[in-house]
Amino acid sequence: RAGVRRVGSPPARGVGRYGFDPGAHLTEASPLASLASRDALLSQWGYYWGEAGLERPLLLEKTPTNMLTARLLQSLFAPRTSFLVVTRHPLAVALAQHRITSCGGGGGGGGPPE
């Protein structure tokens, strides 16, 4: 991937740790707040949205890290931007993270957070 998702993607340092990386928080003040970034995202995500693209009344993308880049995304796609944030109970998240790390899955850190 290129553009905002690649540049804005935090390094894998363990499950959920990206949220503590100040570099992962992208806002409208980011150098990525440009028409070039907007076009790159539309090109990348367009594969999933189909040919209708921005003509559709609703486009969805559910990458969890987008919670940290919502202000940047809003600046790229304003004024038609809204967000629906779905949260999970902290215990459910902790159990899922434990299962991923204890099985050697894609947790990035290989163990529980320090």
C-alpha atoms as a PDB file:
ATOM      1  CA  ARG A   1       0.000   0.000   0.000  1.00  0.00           C
ATOM      2  CA  ALA A   2       1.099   3.554  -0.560  1.00  0.00           C
ATOM      3  CA  GLY A   3       0.022   7.010   0.468  1.00  0.00           C
ATOM      4  CA  VAL A   4      -1.600   7.670   3.803  1.00  0.00           C
ATOM      5  CA  ARG A   5      -1.964   4.081   4.955  1.00  0.00           C
ATOM      6  CA  ARG A   6       1.687   3.223   4.385  1.00  0.00           C
ATOM      7  CA  VAL A   7       3.086   6.467   5.765  1.00  0.00           C
ATOM      8  CA  GLY A   8       0.566   6.597   8.582  1.00  0.00           C
ATOM      9  CA  SER A   9       0.882   2.951   9.540  1.00  0.00           C
ATOM     10  CA  PRO A  10       2.642   2.542  12.870  1.00  0.00           C
ATOM     11  CA  PRO A  11       5.434   0.015  13.325  1.00  0.00           C
ATOM     12  CA  ALA A  12       4.361  -3.359  14.727  1.00  0.00           C
ATOM     13  CA  ARG A  13       5.517  -3.240  18.329  1.00  0.00           C
ATOM     14  CA  GLY A  14       2.875  -5.397  19.882  1.00  0.00           C
ATOM     15  CA  VAL A  15      -0.869  -5.669  19.880  1.00  0.00           C
ATOM     16  CA  GLY A  16      -2.529  -2.296  20.348  1.00  0.00           C
ATOM     17  CA  ARG A  17       0.665  -0.386  21.056  1.00  0.00           C
ATOM     18  CA  TYR A  18       0.275   1.717  17.919  1.00  0.00           C
ATOM     19  CA  GLY A  19      -2.167   3.855  19.886  1.00  0.00           C
ATOM     20  CA  PHE A  20       0.649   5.136  22.089  1.00  0.00           C
ATOM     21  CA  ASP A  21       2.871   6.208  19.187  1.00  0.00           C
ATOM     22  CA  PRO A  22       2.554   9.983  18.681  1.00  0.00           C
ATOM     23  CA  GLY A  23       3.562   9.506  15.029  1.00  0.00           C
ATOM     24  CA  ALA A  24       0.437   7.423  14.445  1.00  0.00           C
ATOM     25  CA  HIS A  25      -1.898  10.319  15.275  1.00  0.00           C
ATOM     26  CA  LEU A  26      -2.470  12.086  11.968  1.00  0.00           C
ATOM     27  CA  THR A  27      -4.527  15.275  11.759  1.00  0.00           C
ATOM     28  CA  GLU A  28      -5.413  17.920   9.219  1.00  0.00           C
ATOM     29  CA  ALA A  29      -2.030  19.529  10.026  1.00  0.00           C
ATOM     30  CA  SER A  30      -0.170  16.498   8.639  1.00  0.00           C
ATOM     31  CA  PRO A  31       1.834  16.882   5.422  1.00  0.00           C
ATOM     32  CA  LEU A  32      -0.335  14.017   4.170  1.00  0.00           C
ATOM     33  CA  ALA A  33      -3.373  16.324   4.096  1.00  0.00           C
ATOM     34  CA  SER A  34      -3.122  16.831   0.352  1.00  0.00           C
ATOM     35  CA  LEU A  35      -5.001  16.100  -2.841  1.00  0.00           C
ATOM     36  CA  ALA A  36      -2.258  13.612  -3.768  1.00  0.00           C
ATOM     37  CA  SER A  37      -2.946  11.603  -0.580  1.00  0.00           C
ATOM     38  CA  ARG A  38      -6.686  11.766  -1.215  1.00  0.00           C
ATOM     39  CA  ASP A  39      -6.213  10.483  -4.757  1.00  0.00           C
ATOM     40  CA  ALA A  40      -3.878   7.719  -3.547  1.00  0.00           C
ATOM     41  CA  LEU A  41      -6.429   6.534  -0.978  1.00  0.00           C
ATOM     42  CA  LEU A  42      -9.246   6.586  -3.504  1.00  0.00           C
ATOM     43  CA  SER A  43      -7.085   4.547  -5.856  1.00  0.00           C
ATOM     44  CA  GLN A  44      -6.153   2.007  -3.170  1.00  0.00           C
ATOM     45  CA  TRP A  45      -9.569   1.656  -1.562  1.00  0.00           C
ATOM     46  CA  GLY A  46     -11.420   1.961  -4.878  1.00  0.00           C
ATOM     47  CA  TYR A  47     -10.741  -1.697  -5.573  1.00  0.00           C
ATOM     48  CA  TYR A  48     -13.036  -2.584  -2.665  1.00  0.00           C
ATOM     49  CA  TRP A  49     -15.618   0.111  -3.364  1.00  0.00           C
ATOM     50  CA  GLY A  50     -16.038  -0.720  -7.055  1.00  0.00           C
ATOM     51  CA  GLU A  51     -16.367   1.511 -10.070  1.00  0.00           C
ATOM     52  CA  ALA A  52     -19.081   3.695  -8.522  1.00  0.00           C
ATOM     53  CA  GLY A  53     -16.555   5.015  -5.993  1.00  0.00           C
ATOM     54  CA  LEU A  54     -17.493   8.395  -4.585  1.00  0.00           C
ATOM     55  CA  GLU A  55     -20.829   8.326  -6.399  1.00  0.00           C
ATOM     56  CA  ARG A  56     -22.132   5.952  -3.739  1.00  0.00           C
ATOM     57  CA  PRO A  57     -23.926   7.507  -0.786  1.00  0.00           C
ATOM     58  CA  LEU A  58     -21.906   5.470   1.712  1.00  0.00           C
ATOM     59  CA  LEU A  59     -18.354   4.155   1.638  1.00  0.00           C
ATOM     60  CA  LEU A  60     -16.958   1.960   4.398  1.00  0.00           C
ATOM     61  CA  GLU A  61     -13.452   1.225   5.579  1.00  0.00           C
ATOM     62  CA  LYS A  62     -12.954  -0.351   8.988  1.00  0.00           C
ATOM     63  CA  THR A  63      -9.237  -0.426   9.719  1.00  0.00           C
ATOM     64  CA  PRO A  64      -8.914  -0.007  13.521  1.00  0.00           C
ATOM     65  CA  THR A  65      -5.979   2.393  13.198  1.00  0.00           C
ATOM     66  CA  ASN A  66      -8.259   4.818  11.333  1.00  0.00           C
ATOM     67  CA  MET A  67      -9.429   5.878  14.772  1.00  0.00           C
ATOM     68  CA  LEU A  68      -6.069   7.662  15.059  1.00  0.00           C
ATOM     69  CA  THR A  69      -6.251   9.210  11.596  1.00  0.00           C
ATOM     70  CA  ALA A  70      -9.906  10.280  11.579  1.00  0.00           C
ATOM     71  CA  ARG A  71      -9.098  13.992  11.562  1.00  0.00           C
ATOM     72  CA  LEU A  72      -6.788  13.535   8.575  1.00  0.00           C
ATOM     73  CA  LEU A  73      -9.393  11.449   6.734  1.00  0.00           C
ATOM     74  CA  GLN A  74     -12.038  14.057   7.508  1.00  0.00           C
ATOM     75  CA  SER A  75      -9.848  16.789   6.016  1.00  0.00           C
ATOM     76  CA  LEU A  76      -9.227  14.689   2.890  1.00  0.00           C
ATOM     77  CA  PHE A  77     -12.870  13.871   2.209  1.00  0.00           C
ATOM     78  CA  ALA A  78     -14.748  16.873   3.670  1.00  0.00           C
ATOM     79  CA  PRO A  79     -17.544  17.824   3.735  1.00  0.00           C
ATOM     80  CA  ARG A  80     -19.028  14.354   3.169  1.00  0.00           C
ATOM     81  CA  THR A  81     -17.213  12.672   6.030  1.00  0.00           C
ATOM     82  CA  SER A  82     -18.765  10.954   9.036  1.00  0.00           C
ATOM     83  CA  PHE A  83     -17.420   8.323  11.361  1.00  0.00           C
ATOM     84  CA  LEU A  84     -19.064   5.486  13.180  1.00  0.00           C
ATOM     85  CA  VAL A  85     -16.818   4.305  15.982  1.00  0.00           C
ATOM     86  CA  VAL A  86     -17.568   0.854  17.325  1.00  0.00           C
ATOM     87  CA  THR A  87     -16.009  -0.051  20.644  1.00  0.00           C
ATOM     88  CA  ARG A  88     -15.625  -3.376  22.346  1.00  0.00           C
ATOM     89  CA  HIS A  89     -15.644  -4.210  26.015  1.00  0.00           C
ATOM     90  CA  PRO A  90     -12.048  -4.024  27.328  1.00  0.00           C
ATOM     91  CA  LEU A  91     -12.194  -7.597  28.602  1.00  0.00           C
ATOM     92  CA  ALA A  92     -13.153  -8.913  25.156  1.00  0.00           C
ATOM     93  CA  VAL A  93     -10.247  -6.979  23.629  1.00  0.00           C
ATOM     94  CA  ALA A  94      -7.791  -8.256  26.261  1.00  0.00           C
ATOM     95  CA  LEU A  95      -8.880 -11.875  25.752  1.00  0.00           C
ATOM     96  CA  ALA A  96      -8.584 -11.572  21.967  1.00  0.00           C
ATOM     97  CA  GLN A  97      -5.109 -10.038  22.275  1.00  0.00           C
ATOM     98  CA  HIS A  98      -4.044 -12.755  24.688  1.00  0.00           C
ATOM     99  CA  ARG A  99      -5.251 -15.430  22.290  1.00  0.00           C
ATOM    100  CA  ILE A 100      -3.332 -13.836  19.384  1.00  0.00           C
ATOM    101  CA  THR A 101      -0.073 -13.442  21.279  1.00  0.00           C
ATOM    102  CA  SER A 102      -0.184 -16.784  23.062  1.00  0.00           C
ATOM    103  CA  CYS A 103      -0.690 -18.629  19.763  1.00  0.00           C
ATOM    104  CA  GLY A 104       2.207 -16.824  18.091  1.00  0.00           C
ATOM    105  CA  GLY A 105      -0.242 -15.069  15.780  1.00  0.00           C
ATOM    106  CA  GLY A 106       0.028 -11.685  14.145  1.00  0.00           C
ATOM    107  CA  GLY A 107       0.431  -9.786  17.396  1.00  0.00           C
ATOM    108  CA  GLY A 108       3.701  -8.233  16.320  1.00  0.00           C
ATOM    109  CA  GLY A 109       5.170  -8.409  19.784  1.00  0.00           C
ATOM    110  CA  GLY A 110       5.025 -12.135  20.463  1.00  0.00           C
ATOM    111  CA  GLY A 111       3.857 -11.632  24.022  1.00  0.00           C
ATOM    112  CA  PRO A 112       1.672  -9.594  26.309  1.00  0.00           C
ATOM    113  CA  PRO A 113       2.234  -5.833  26.572  1.00  0.00           C
ATOM    114  CA  GLU A 114       4.845  -4.794  29.104  1.00  0.00           C
END
